[in-house]
PDB file of N, CA and C in Angstrom:
ATOM      1  N   MET A   1       0.364  -0.830   0.062  1.00  0.00           N
ATOM      2  CA  MET A   1       0.290   0.108   0.137  1.00  0.00           C
ATOM      3  C   MET A   1       0.687   1.118  -0.302  1.00  0.00           C
ATOM      4  N   SER A   2       1.078   2.129  -0.370  1.00  0.00           N
ATOM      5  CA  SER A   2       1.496   3.148  -1.190  1.00  0.00           C
ATOM      6  C   SER A   2       0.216   4.534  -0.833  1.00  0.00           C
ATOM      7  N   VAL A   3       0.780   5.774   0.033  1.00  0.00           N
ATOM      8  CA  VAL A   3       0.374   6.907  -0.094  1.00  0.00           C
ATOM      9  C   VAL A   3       0.769   8.107  -0.108  1.00  0.00           C
ATOM     10  N   GLU A   4       0.149   9.158  -0.024  1.00  0.00           N
ATOM     11  CA  GLU A   4       1.188  10.324  -0.255  1.00  0.00           C
ATOM     12  C   GLU A   4       0.693  10.896   1.161  1.00  0.00           C
ATOM     13  N   ILE A   5       1.395  11.145   2.150  1.00  0.00           N
ATOM     14  CA  ILE A   5       1.131  11.810   3.156  1.00  0.00           C
ATOM     15  C   ILE A   5       1.864  13.078   3.636  1.00  0.00           C
ATOM     16  N   ASN A   6       1.423  14.258   4.045  1.00  0.00           N
ATOM     17  CA  ASN A   6       1.113  15.727   4.084  1.00  0.00           C
ATOM     18  C   ASN A   6       2.380  15.951   4.903  1.00  0.00           C
ATOM     19  N   GLU A   7       4.262  15.839   4.414  1.00  0.00           N
ATOM     20  CA  GLU A   7       4.923  15.850   5.238  1.00  0.00           C
ATOM     21  C   GLU A   7       5.210  16.663   7.117  1.00  0.00           C
ATOM     22  N   GLU A   8       4.436  17.999   6.605  1.00  0.00           N
ATOM     23  CA  GLU A   8       4.410  18.327   7.791  1.00  0.00           C
ATOM     24  C   GLU A   8       3.626  18.383   8.792  1.00  0.00           C
ATOM     25  N   LEU A   9       2.297  17.732   8.610  1.00  0.00           N
ATOM     26  CA  LEU A   9       1.269  17.400   9.618  1.00  0.00           C
ATOM     27  C   LEU A   9       1.544  15.788  10.176  1.00  0.00           C
ATOM     28  N   ALA A  10       2.058  15.294   9.019  1.00  0.00           N
ATOM     29  CA  ALA A  10       2.959  14.036  10.029  1.00  0.00           C
ATOM     30  C   ALA A  10       4.420  14.271  11.099  1.00  0.00           C
ATOM     31  N   ILE A  11       4.389  15.038  10.075  1.00  0.00           N
ATOM     32  CA  ILE A  11       5.892  15.425  11.844  1.00  0.00           C
ATOM     33  C   ILE A  11       4.858  16.149  13.179  1.00  0.00           C
ATOM     34  N   ALA A  12       4.076  17.045  12.832  1.00  0.00           N
ATOM     35  CA  ALA A  12       3.661  17.492  14.072  1.00  0.00           C
ATOM     36  C   ALA A  12       2.816  16.133  14.561  1.00  0.00           C
ATOM     37  N   VAL A  13       1.621  15.028  14.438  1.00  0.00           N
ATOM     38  CA  VAL A  13       1.686  14.317  14.484  1.00  0.00           C
ATOM     39  C   VAL A  13       2.332  13.239  15.279  1.00  0.00           C
ATOM     40  N   GLN A  14       4.086  13.185  14.941  1.00  0.00           N
ATOM     41  CA  GLN A  14       4.736  12.299  15.903  1.00  0.00           C
ATOM     42  C   GLN A  14       5.539  13.453  16.829  1.00  0.00           C
ATOM     43  N   ARG A  15       4.987  14.331  16.911  1.00  0.00           N
ATOM     44  CA  ARG A  15       5.648  15.268  18.512  1.00  0.00           C
ATOM     45  C   ARG A  15       4.914  14.676  19.362  1.00  0.00           C
ATOM     46  N   VAL A  16       3.173  15.223  18.918  1.00  0.00           N
ATOM     47  CA  VAL A  16       2.821  14.880  19.501  1.00  0.00           C
ATOM     48  C   VAL A  16       2.123  13.514  19.922  1.00  0.00           C
ATOM     49  N   LEU A  17       2.540  12.622  19.120  1.00  0.00           N
ATOM     50  CA  LEU A  17       2.668  10.727  19.887  1.00  0.00           C
ATOM     51  C   LEU A  17       3.845  10.284  20.280  1.00  0.00           C
ATOM     52  N   SER A  18       5.376  11.137  19.951  1.00  0.00           N
ATOM     53  CA  SER A  18       6.432  10.802  20.251  1.00  0.00           C
ATOM     54  C   SER A  18       6.664   9.744  19.929  1.00  0.00           C
ATOM     55  N   THR A  19       6.544   9.566  18.685  1.00  0.00           N
ATOM     56  CA  THR A  19       7.012   8.891  17.815  1.00  0.00           C
ATOM     57  C   THR A  19       8.129   9.303  16.610  1.00  0.00           C
ATOM     58  N   THR A  20       9.218   7.770  16.455  1.00  0.00           N
ATOM     59  CA  THR A  20       9.914   8.429  16.183  1.00  0.00           C
ATOM     60  C   THR A  20      10.095   7.833  14.340  1.00  0.00           C
ATOM     61  N   THR A  21       9.444   7.002  13.718  1.00  0.00           N
ATOM     62  CA  THR A  21       9.311   6.465  12.467  1.00  0.00           C
ATOM     63  C   THR A  21       7.798   6.915  11.347  1.00  0.00           C
ATOM     64  N   LEU A  22       7.938   6.894  10.776  1.00  0.00           N
ATOM     65  CA  LEU A  22       6.251   7.061   9.801  1.00  0.00           C
ATOM     66  C   LEU A  22       5.758   6.007  10.065  1.00  0.00           C
ATOM     67  N   LYS A  23       5.905   5.203   9.719  1.00  0.00           N
ATOM     68  CA  LYS A  23       5.381   3.472  10.069  1.00  0.00           C
ATOM     69  C   LYS A  23       4.447   3.762  12.125  1.00  0.00           C
ATOM     70  N   GLU A  24       5.597   4.290  12.442  1.00  0.00           N
ATOM     71  CA  GLU A  24       5.488   4.123  14.048  1.00  0.00           C
ATOM     72  C   GLU A  24       4.359   5.342  14.245  1.00  0.00           C
ATOM     73  N   THR A  25       4.525   6.051  13.608  1.00  0.00           N
ATOM     74  CA  THR A  25       3.409   6.907  13.851  1.00  0.00           C
ATOM     75  C   THR A  25       1.944   7.108  13.641  1.00  0.00           C
ATOM     76  N   ILE A  26       1.952   6.590  12.035  1.00  0.00           N
ATOM     77  CA  ILE A  26       0.486   5.842  11.696  1.00  0.00           C
ATOM     78  C   ILE A  26      -0.068   4.657  12.858  1.00  0.00           C
ATOM     79  N   GLU A  27       0.719   3.950  13.056  1.00  0.00           N
ATOM     80  CA  GLU A  27      -0.069   3.078  13.593  1.00  0.00           C
ATOM     81  C   GLU A  27      -0.629   3.823  14.933  1.00  0.00           C
ATOM     82  N   GLU A  28       0.249   3.925  15.233  1.00  0.00           N
ATOM     83  CA  GLU A  28       0.682   4.846  17.242  1.00  0.00           C
ATOM     84  C   GLU A  28      -1.562   5.423  16.407  1.00  0.00           C
ATOM     85  N   ALA A  29      -1.347   6.491  15.513  1.00  0.00           N
ATOM     86  CA  ALA A  29      -2.457   7.081  15.384  1.00  0.00           C
ATOM     87  C   ALA A  29      -3.773   6.464  15.238  1.00  0.00           C
ATOM     88  N   PHE A  30      -3.632   5.430  14.596  1.00  0.00           N
ATOM     89  CA  PHE A  30      -4.580   4.246  14.507  1.00  0.00           C
ATOM     90  C   PHE A  30      -5.503   3.943  15.819  1.00  0.00           C
ATOM     91  N   ARG A  31      -4.265   3.665  16.664  1.00  0.00           N
ATOM     92  CA  ARG A  31      -4.205   2.622  17.866  1.00  0.00           C
ATOM     93  C   ARG A  31      -5.953   3.864  18.406  1.00  0.00           C
ATOM     94  N   VAL A  32      -4.838   5.418  18.638  1.00  0.00           N
ATOM     95  CA  VAL A  32      -5.163   6.446  18.987  1.00  0.00           C
ATOM     96  C   VAL A  32      -6.560   6.495  18.467  1.00  0.00           C
ATOM     97  N   ILE A  33      -7.014   6.524  17.718  1.00  0.00           N
ATOM     98  CA  ILE A  33      -8.380   6.652  17.187  1.00  0.00           C
ATOM     99  C   ILE A  33      -9.547   5.456  17.455  1.00  0.00           C
ATOM    100  N   LEU A  34      -8.500   4.506  17.732  1.00  0.00           N
ATOM    101  CA  LEU A  34      -9.461   3.229  17.733  1.00  0.00           C
ATOM    102  C   LEU A  34      -9.963   3.626  19.627  1.00  0.00           C
ATOM    103  N   ARG A  35      -8.862   3.752  20.461  1.00  0.00           N
ATOM    104  CA  ARG A  35      -9.297   3.819  21.389  1.00  0.00           C
ATOM    105  C   ARG A  35     -10.341   5.035  21.769  1.00  0.00           C
ATOM    106  N   ALA A  36     -10.404   6.004  20.970  1.00  0.00           N
ATOM    107  CA  ALA A  36     -11.217   6.855  21.265  1.00  0.00           C
ATOM    108  C   ALA A  36     -12.688   6.778  20.413  1.00  0.00           C
ATOM    109  N   GLU A  37     -12.788   5.534  19.887  1.00  0.00           N
ATOM    110  CA  GLU A  37     -14.278   5.435  19.531  1.00  0.00           C
ATOM    111  C   GLU A  37     -14.308   3.978  20.373  1.00  0.00           C
ATOM    112  N   ALA A  38     -13.638   3.805  20.743  1.00  0.00           N
ATOM    113  CA  ALA A  38     -14.320   2.888  21.933  1.00  0.00           C
ATOM    114  C   ALA A  38     -14.619   3.263  23.466  1.00  0.00           C
ATOM    115  N   ARG A  39     -13.775   4.544  23.518  1.00  0.00           N
ATOM    116  CA  ARG A  39     -14.794   5.467  24.720  1.00  0.00           C
ATOM    117  C   ARG A  39     -16.418   6.202  24.420  1.00  0.00           C
ATOM    118  N   ARG A  40     -15.730   6.275  23.327  1.00  0.00           N
ATOM    119  CA  ARG A  40     -17.281   6.636  22.930  1.00  0.00           C
ATOM    120  C   ARG A  40     -18.511   5.666  22.583  1.00  0.00           C
ATOM    121  N   GLU A  41     -17.951   4.347  22.070  1.00  0.00           N
ATOM    122  CA  GLU A  41     -19.327   3.374  22.517  1.00  0.00           C
ATOM    123  C   GLU A  41     -19.522   3.160  23.375  1.00  0.00           C
ATOM    124  N   GLU A  42     -18.571   3.358  24.609  1.00  0.00           N
ATOM    125  CA  GLU A  42     -18.806   3.210  25.927  1.00  0.00           C
ATOM    126  C   GLU A  42     -19.851   3.756  26.646  1.00  0.00           C
ATOM    127  N   VAL A  43     -19.101   4.869  26.459  1.00  0.00           N
ATOM    128  CA  VAL A  43     -19.771   5.967  26.612  1.00  0.00           C
ATOM    129  C   VAL A  43     -21.335   6.428  26.524  1.00  0.00           C
ATOM    130  N   GLN A  44     -21.358   6.458  25.084  1.00  0.00           N
ATOM    131  CA  GLN A  44     -23.431   6.094  25.075  1.00  0.00           C
ATOM    132  C   GLN A  44     -23.968   4.319  25.227  1.00  0.00           C
ATOM    133  N   ALA A  45     -23.019   3.185  24.980  1.00  0.00           N
ATOM    134  CA  ALA A  45     -23.324   2.778  26.116  1.00  0.00           C
ATOM    135  C   ALA A  45     -24.480   3.064  27.770  1.00  0.00           C
ATOM    136  N   LEU A  46     -23.183   3.832  28.125  1.00  0.00           N
ATOM    137  CA  LEU A  46     -23.752   3.937  29.227  1.00  0.00           C
ATOM    138  C   LEU A  46     -25.003   4.918  29.750  1.00  0.00           C
ATOM    139  N   SER A  47     -25.133   6.491  28.600  1.00  0.00           N
ATOM    140  CA  SER A  47     -25.746   7.015  28.883  1.00  0.00           C
ATOM    141  C   SER A  47     -27.547   6.688  27.671  1.00  0.00           C
ATOM    142  N   THR A  48     -27.083   5.427  27.528  1.00  0.00           N
ATOM    143  CA  THR A  48     -28.600   4.331  26.982  1.00  0.00           C
ATOM    144  C   THR A  48     -28.817   3.632  28.149  1.00  0.00           C
ATOM    145  N   MET A  49     -28.009   3.104  28.651  1.00  0.00           N
ATOM    146  CA  MET A  49     -27.567   1.887  29.497  1.00  0.00           C
ATOM    147  C   MET A  49     -28.409   0.564  28.089  1.00  0.00           C
ATOM    148  N   SER A  50     -27.547   0.535  27.454  1.00  0.00           N
ATOM    149  CA  SER A  50     -28.051  -0.243  25.923  1.00  0.00           C
ATOM    150  C   SER A  50     -27.127  -1.798  26.896  1.00  0.00           C
ATOM    151  N   GLY A  51     -27.928  -2.877  26.746  1.00  0.00           N
ATOM    152  CA  GLY A  51     -27.358  -3.871  27.046  1.00  0.00           C
ATOM    153  C   GLY A  51     -26.621  -4.552  28.640  1.00  0.00           C
ATOM    154  N   MET A  52     -26.788  -3.522  28.903  1.00  0.00           N
ATOM    155  CA  MET A  52     -26.096  -3.040  30.632  1.00  0.00           C
ATOM    156  C   MET A  52     -27.805  -4.178  31.334  1.00  0.00           C
ATOM    157  N   ASP A  53     -27.543  -4.307  32.190  1.00  0.00           N
ATOM    158  CA  ASP A  53     -28.049  -5.042  33.532  1.00  0.00           C
ATOM    159  C   ASP A  53     -28.247  -3.654  34.435  1.00  0.00           C
ATOM    160  N   LEU A  54     -27.655  -2.977  34.595  1.00  0.00           N
ATOM    161  CA  LEU A  54     -27.846  -1.226  35.351  1.00  0.00           C
ATOM    162  C   LEU A  54     -29.565  -1.126  34.995  1.00  0.00           C
ATOM    163  N   ALA A  55     -30.103  -1.024  33.758  1.00  0.00           N
ATOM    164  CA  ALA A  55     -31.155  -0.656  33.435  1.00  0.00           C
ATOM    165  C   ALA A  55     -32.372  -2.274  34.347  1.00  0.00           C
ATOM    166  N   ASN A  56     -32.267  -2.828  34.645  1.00  0.00           N
ATOM    167  CA  ASN A  56     -32.860  -4.238  34.923  1.00  0.00           C
ATOM    168  C   ASN A  56     -33.503  -3.985  36.804  1.00  0.00           C
ATOM    169  N   GLN A  57     -34.311  -3.669  36.563  1.00  0.00           N
ATOM    170  CA  GLN A  57     -34.577  -3.315  38.306  1.00  0.00           C
ATOM    171  C   GLN A  57     -34.630  -4.214  38.959  1.00  0.00           C
ATOM    172  N   ASP A  58     -34.897  -5.630  38.348  1.00  0.00           N
ATOM    173  CA  ASP A  58     -34.610  -6.614  39.871  1.00  0.00           C
ATOM    174  C   ASP A  58     -33.379  -6.914  40.035  1.00  0.00           C
ATOM    175  N   ILE A  59     -32.917  -6.789  39.100  1.00  0.00           N
ATOM    176  CA  ILE A  59     -30.876  -7.253  39.340  1.00  0.00           C
ATOM    177  C   ILE A  59     -30.481  -5.917  40.394  1.00  0.00           C
ATOM    178  N   MET A  60     -30.953  -4.471  40.090  1.00  0.00           N
ATOM    179  CA  MET A  60     -30.171  -3.542  40.738  1.00  0.00           C
ATOM    180  C   MET A  60     -31.175  -3.466  42.132  1.00  0.00           C
ATOM    181  N   SER A  61     -32.262  -3.973  42.215  1.00  0.00           N
ATOM    182  CA  SER A  61     -32.933  -3.963  43.640  1.00  0.00           C
ATOM    183  C   SER A  61     -32.088  -4.872  44.552  1.00  0.00           C
ATOM    184  N   ARG A  62     -31.286  -5.908  44.350  1.00  0.00           N
ATOM    185  CA  ARG A  62     -30.544  -6.518  44.631  1.00  0.00           C
ATOM    186  C   ARG A  62     -28.612  -6.409  44.597  1.00  0.00           C
ATOM    187  N   ALA A  63     -28.357  -5.500  43.799  1.00  0.00           N
ATOM    188  CA  ALA A  63     -26.897  -5.285  43.999  1.00  0.00           C
ATOM    189  C   ALA A  63     -26.570  -4.479  44.904  1.00  0.00           C
ATOM    190  N   TRP A  64     -26.730  -4.211  45.803  1.00  0.00           N
ATOM    191  CA  TRP A  64     -25.857  -3.711  46.920  1.00  0.00           C
ATOM    192  C   TRP A  64     -26.713  -4.363  48.772  1.00  0.00           C
ATOM    193  N   HIS A  65     -27.103  -5.499  47.939  1.00  0.00           N
ATOM    194  CA  HIS A  65     -27.771  -6.373  49.430  1.00  0.00           C
ATOM    195  C   HIS A  65     -26.509  -7.769  49.064  1.00  0.00           C
ATOM    196  N   SER A  66     -26.110  -7.586  50.610  1.00  0.00           N
ATOM    197  CA  SER A  66     -25.127  -9.264  50.798  1.00  0.00           C
ATOM    198  C   SER A  66     -26.029 -10.809  50.869  1.00  0.00           C
TER     199      SER A  66
END
């Protein structure tokens, strides 16, 4: 795979990510994006209670009882 990359942009990202090679910079940028998306999905799930037992009154009524 071959792409043209804006060198100034790559250098700026390299500084932010503290990476040394272009490959390392690109791969770390991809990881940063994927982590941000995972966080966004978690926030969305928490805000809607989607797929969580937290919205189940029966389970939550027993949550703090031993």
